């Protein structure tokens, strides 16, 4: 595949690659220079809890989590 460096120095990943690898806007990458003219682009791992708050807020059923009665551990 072919891409072009913009006047701002930006490189666009072709849509086919973005869709295949589920690359979303804002994801971070590391660029490593291997040799003159050879580079490697590696997607950074997302923090382990990234998106968890949005996922919880999108819960379709409000009030899903309810407190449960439990016994005290003092009697054990």
N, C-alpha and C. Protein backbone atom coordinates (compact mmCIF):
# COMPACT_ATOMS: atom_id res chain seq x y z
N UNK A 1 0.84 -1.18 0.00
CA UNK A 1 0.00 0.00 0.00
C UNK A 1 0.88 1.23 0.00
N UNK A 2 0.31 2.29 -0.46
CA UNK A 2 1.06 3.53 -0.59
C UNK A 2 0.39 4.62 0.24
N UNK A 3 1.21 5.47 0.85
CA UNK A 3 0.70 6.63 1.58
C UNK A 3 1.67 7.78 1.33
N UNK A 4 1.28 8.97 1.68
CA UNK A 4 2.09 10.17 1.41
C UNK A 4 2.27 10.96 2.70
N UNK A 5 3.43 11.56 2.86
CA UNK A 5 3.69 12.44 4.00
C UNK A 5 3.11 13.81 3.66
N UNK A 6 2.29 14.36 4.56
CA UNK A 6 1.67 15.67 4.32
C UNK A 6 2.68 16.79 4.56
N UNK A 7 2.27 18.01 4.24
CA UNK A 7 3.14 19.17 4.46
C UNK A 7 3.39 19.39 5.95
N UNK A 8 2.53 18.81 6.82
CA UNK A 8 2.71 18.91 8.27
C UNK A 8 3.54 17.75 8.81
N UNK A 9 4.00 16.84 7.94
CA UNK A 9 4.79 15.70 8.37
C UNK A 9 3.95 14.53 8.84
N UNK A 10 2.68 14.56 8.53
CA UNK A 10 1.78 13.48 8.97
C UNK A 10 1.71 12.39 7.91
N UNK A 11 1.59 11.15 8.39
CA UNK A 11 1.42 10.01 7.51
C UNK A 11 0.07 9.38 7.82
N UNK A 12 -0.72 9.14 6.80
CA UNK A 12 -2.04 8.54 6.97
C UNK A 12 -1.94 7.05 6.74
N UNK A 13 -2.44 6.27 7.70
CA UNK A 13 -2.53 4.83 7.51
C UNK A 13 -3.75 4.56 6.63
N UNK A 14 -3.60 3.76 5.59
CA UNK A 14 -4.74 3.46 4.72
C UNK A 14 -5.91 2.86 5.51
N UNK A 15 -7.12 3.21 5.08
CA UNK A 15 -8.34 2.77 5.78
C UNK A 15 -8.40 1.26 5.91
N UNK A 16 -7.95 0.53 4.91
CA UNK A 16 -7.98 -0.93 4.96
C UNK A 16 -7.19 -1.45 6.17
N UNK A 17 -6.04 -0.86 6.45
CA UNK A 17 -5.23 -1.27 7.61
C UNK A 17 -5.89 -0.85 8.91
N UNK A 18 -6.43 0.38 8.94
CA UNK A 18 -7.08 0.85 10.17
C UNK A 18 -8.26 -0.03 10.55
N UNK A 19 -9.05 -0.42 9.56
CA UNK A 19 -10.21 -1.27 9.85
C UNK A 19 -9.78 -2.67 10.26
N UNK A 20 -8.79 -3.23 9.57
CA UNK A 20 -8.34 -4.60 9.86
C UNK A 20 -7.77 -4.71 11.27
N UNK A 21 -7.08 -3.66 11.73
CA UNK A 21 -6.44 -3.70 13.04
C UNK A 21 -7.18 -2.89 14.10
N UNK A 22 -8.38 -2.44 13.77
CA UNK A 22 -9.23 -1.67 14.70
C UNK A 22 -8.47 -0.48 15.31
N UNK A 23 -7.85 0.28 14.45
CA UNK A 23 -7.13 1.48 14.89
C UNK A 23 -8.11 2.64 14.95
N UNK A 24 -8.18 3.26 16.11
CA UNK A 24 -9.12 4.36 16.36
C UNK A 24 -8.37 5.68 16.46
N UNK A 25 -9.04 6.80 16.16
CA UNK A 25 -8.40 8.11 16.33
C UNK A 25 -7.94 8.29 17.77
N UNK A 26 -6.77 8.85 17.94
CA UNK A 26 -6.22 9.11 19.27
C UNK A 26 -5.32 8.01 19.80
N UNK A 27 -5.32 6.84 19.16
CA UNK A 27 -4.42 5.78 19.61
C UNK A 27 -2.97 6.19 19.35
N UNK A 28 -2.09 5.79 20.26
CA UNK A 28 -0.69 6.21 20.18
C UNK A 28 0.18 5.10 19.60
N UNK A 29 1.21 5.54 18.87
CA UNK A 29 2.16 4.64 18.25
C UNK A 29 3.58 5.09 18.57
N UNK A 30 4.49 4.15 18.58
CA UNK A 30 5.92 4.45 18.67
C UNK A 30 6.50 4.29 17.28
N UNK A 31 7.39 5.22 16.90
CA UNK A 31 8.10 5.13 15.63
C UNK A 31 9.56 4.88 15.95
N UNK A 32 10.08 3.83 15.35
CA UNK A 32 11.47 3.45 15.58
C UNK A 32 12.22 3.50 14.26
N UNK A 33 13.37 4.16 14.26
CA UNK A 33 14.20 4.20 13.06
C UNK A 33 15.10 2.97 13.06
N UNK A 34 14.91 2.11 12.08
CA UNK A 34 15.70 0.89 11.98
C UNK A 34 17.00 1.14 11.23
N UNK A 35 16.90 1.89 10.15
CA UNK A 35 18.04 2.20 9.29
C UNK A 35 17.62 3.40 8.44
N UNK A 36 18.54 3.91 7.67
CA UNK A 36 18.21 5.06 6.82
C UNK A 36 17.07 4.68 5.86
N UNK A 37 15.94 5.34 6.02
CA UNK A 37 14.79 5.08 5.16
C UNK A 37 13.90 3.93 5.63
N UNK A 38 14.27 3.22 6.68
CA UNK A 38 13.47 2.11 7.20
C UNK A 38 12.98 2.44 8.61
N UNK A 39 11.68 2.34 8.79
CA UNK A 39 11.08 2.68 10.07
C UNK A 39 10.09 1.60 10.47
N UNK A 40 9.84 1.51 11.76
CA UNK A 40 8.84 0.58 12.27
C UNK A 40 7.84 1.37 13.11
N UNK A 41 6.57 1.10 12.88
CA UNK A 41 5.48 1.74 13.59
C UNK A 41 4.83 0.69 14.47
N UNK A 42 4.78 0.93 15.80
CA UNK A 42 4.23 -0.04 16.73
C UNK A 42 3.16 0.64 17.59
N UNK A 43 1.96 0.03 17.61
CA UNK A 43 0.89 0.60 18.41
C UNK A 43 1.20 0.39 19.89
N UNK A 44 1.07 1.44 20.67
CA UNK A 44 1.27 1.33 22.12
C UNK A 44 0.08 0.62 22.75
N UNK A 45 0.37 -0.15 23.77
CA UNK A 45 -0.70 -0.86 24.48
C UNK A 45 -1.54 0.15 25.25
N UNK A 46 -2.84 -0.05 25.21
CA UNK A 46 -3.74 0.83 25.94
C UNK A 46 -3.62 0.52 27.43
N UNK A 47 -3.79 1.52 28.29
CA UNK A 47 -3.82 1.25 29.73
C UNK A 47 -4.89 0.20 30.03
N UNK A 48 -4.68 -0.65 31.02
CA UNK A 48 -5.59 -1.77 31.26
C UNK A 48 -7.05 -1.40 31.48
N UNK A 49 -7.34 -0.24 32.02
CA UNK A 49 -8.73 0.14 32.31
C UNK A 49 -9.27 1.19 31.35
N UNK A 50 -8.58 1.41 30.25
CA UNK A 50 -9.03 2.43 29.31
C UNK A 50 -10.41 2.06 28.76
N UNK A 51 -11.34 2.99 28.83
CA UNK A 51 -12.68 2.79 28.30
C UNK A 51 -13.65 2.15 29.28
N UNK A 52 -13.20 1.78 30.46
CA UNK A 52 -14.07 1.10 31.42
C UNK A 52 -15.20 2.02 31.90
N UNK A 53 -14.90 3.27 32.15
CA UNK A 53 -15.94 4.20 32.63
C UNK A 53 -17.00 4.39 31.56
N UNK A 54 -16.57 4.59 30.31
CA UNK A 54 -17.55 4.75 29.23
C UNK A 54 -18.40 3.49 29.09
N UNK A 55 -17.78 2.33 29.22
CA UNK A 55 -18.50 1.06 29.11
C UNK A 55 -19.55 0.96 30.22
N UNK A 56 -19.18 1.30 31.45
CA UNK A 56 -20.13 1.23 32.56
C UNK A 56 -21.27 2.22 32.40
N UNK A 57 -20.94 3.42 31.93
CA UNK A 57 -21.98 4.44 31.75
C UNK A 57 -22.94 4.09 30.63
N UNK A 58 -22.52 3.25 29.71
CA UNK A 58 -23.38 2.89 28.59
C UNK A 58 -24.29 1.70 28.91
N UNK A 59 -24.27 1.24 30.15
CA UNK A 59 -25.11 0.11 30.56
C UNK A 59 -26.57 0.44 30.24
N UNK A 60 -27.23 -0.40 29.43
CA UNK A 60 -28.60 -0.07 29.01
C UNK A 60 -29.63 -0.18 30.12
N UNK A 61 -29.36 -0.94 31.16
CA UNK A 61 -30.33 -1.13 32.23
C UNK A 61 -29.86 -0.41 33.48
N UNK A 62 -30.48 0.69 33.80
CA UNK A 62 -30.10 1.45 34.98
C UNK A 62 -30.60 0.71 36.23
N UNK A 63 -29.85 0.80 37.29
CA UNK A 63 -30.22 0.12 38.52
C UNK A 63 -29.88 -1.36 38.49
N UNK A 64 -29.04 -1.77 37.54
CA UNK A 64 -28.66 -3.18 37.41
C UNK A 64 -27.91 -3.67 38.64
N UNK A 65 -27.05 -2.83 39.16
CA UNK A 65 -26.27 -3.20 40.33
C UNK A 65 -27.05 -2.80 41.58
N UNK A 66 -27.42 -3.77 42.37
CA UNK A 66 -28.18 -3.50 43.58
C UNK A 66 -27.43 -4.12 44.77
N UNK A 67 -27.53 -3.50 45.94
CA UNK A 67 -26.86 -4.08 47.10
C UNK A 67 -27.53 -5.39 47.50
N UNK A 68 -26.74 -6.29 48.03
CA UNK A 68 -27.27 -7.57 48.50
C UNK A 68 -27.04 -7.67 50.00
N UNK A 69 -27.96 -8.33 50.67
CA UNK A 69 -27.80 -8.55 52.10
C UNK A 69 -26.69 -9.57 52.32
N UNK A 70 -25.86 -9.31 53.28
CA UNK A 70 -24.79 -10.26 53.56
C UNK A 70 -24.63 -10.37 55.06
N UNK A 71 -24.03 -11.46 55.46
CA UNK A 71 -23.80 -11.67 56.88
C UNK A 71 -22.51 -10.99 57.30
N UNK A 72 -22.47 -10.60 58.53
CA UNK A 72 -21.27 -9.98 59.07
C UNK A 72 -20.18 -11.04 59.24
N UNK A 73 -18.96 -10.65 59.01
CA UNK A 73 -17.85 -11.59 59.22
C UNK A 73 -17.47 -11.69 60.70
N UNK A 74 -18.09 -10.84 61.53
CA UNK A 74 -17.79 -10.88 62.96
C UNK A 74 -18.22 -12.20 63.60
N UNK A 75 -19.22 -12.86 63.02
CA UNK A 75 -19.73 -14.09 63.63
C UNK A 75 -18.96 -15.32 63.17
N UNK A 76 -18.04 -15.18 62.28
CA UNK A 76 -17.30 -16.34 61.77
C UNK A 76 -16.22 -16.77 62.71
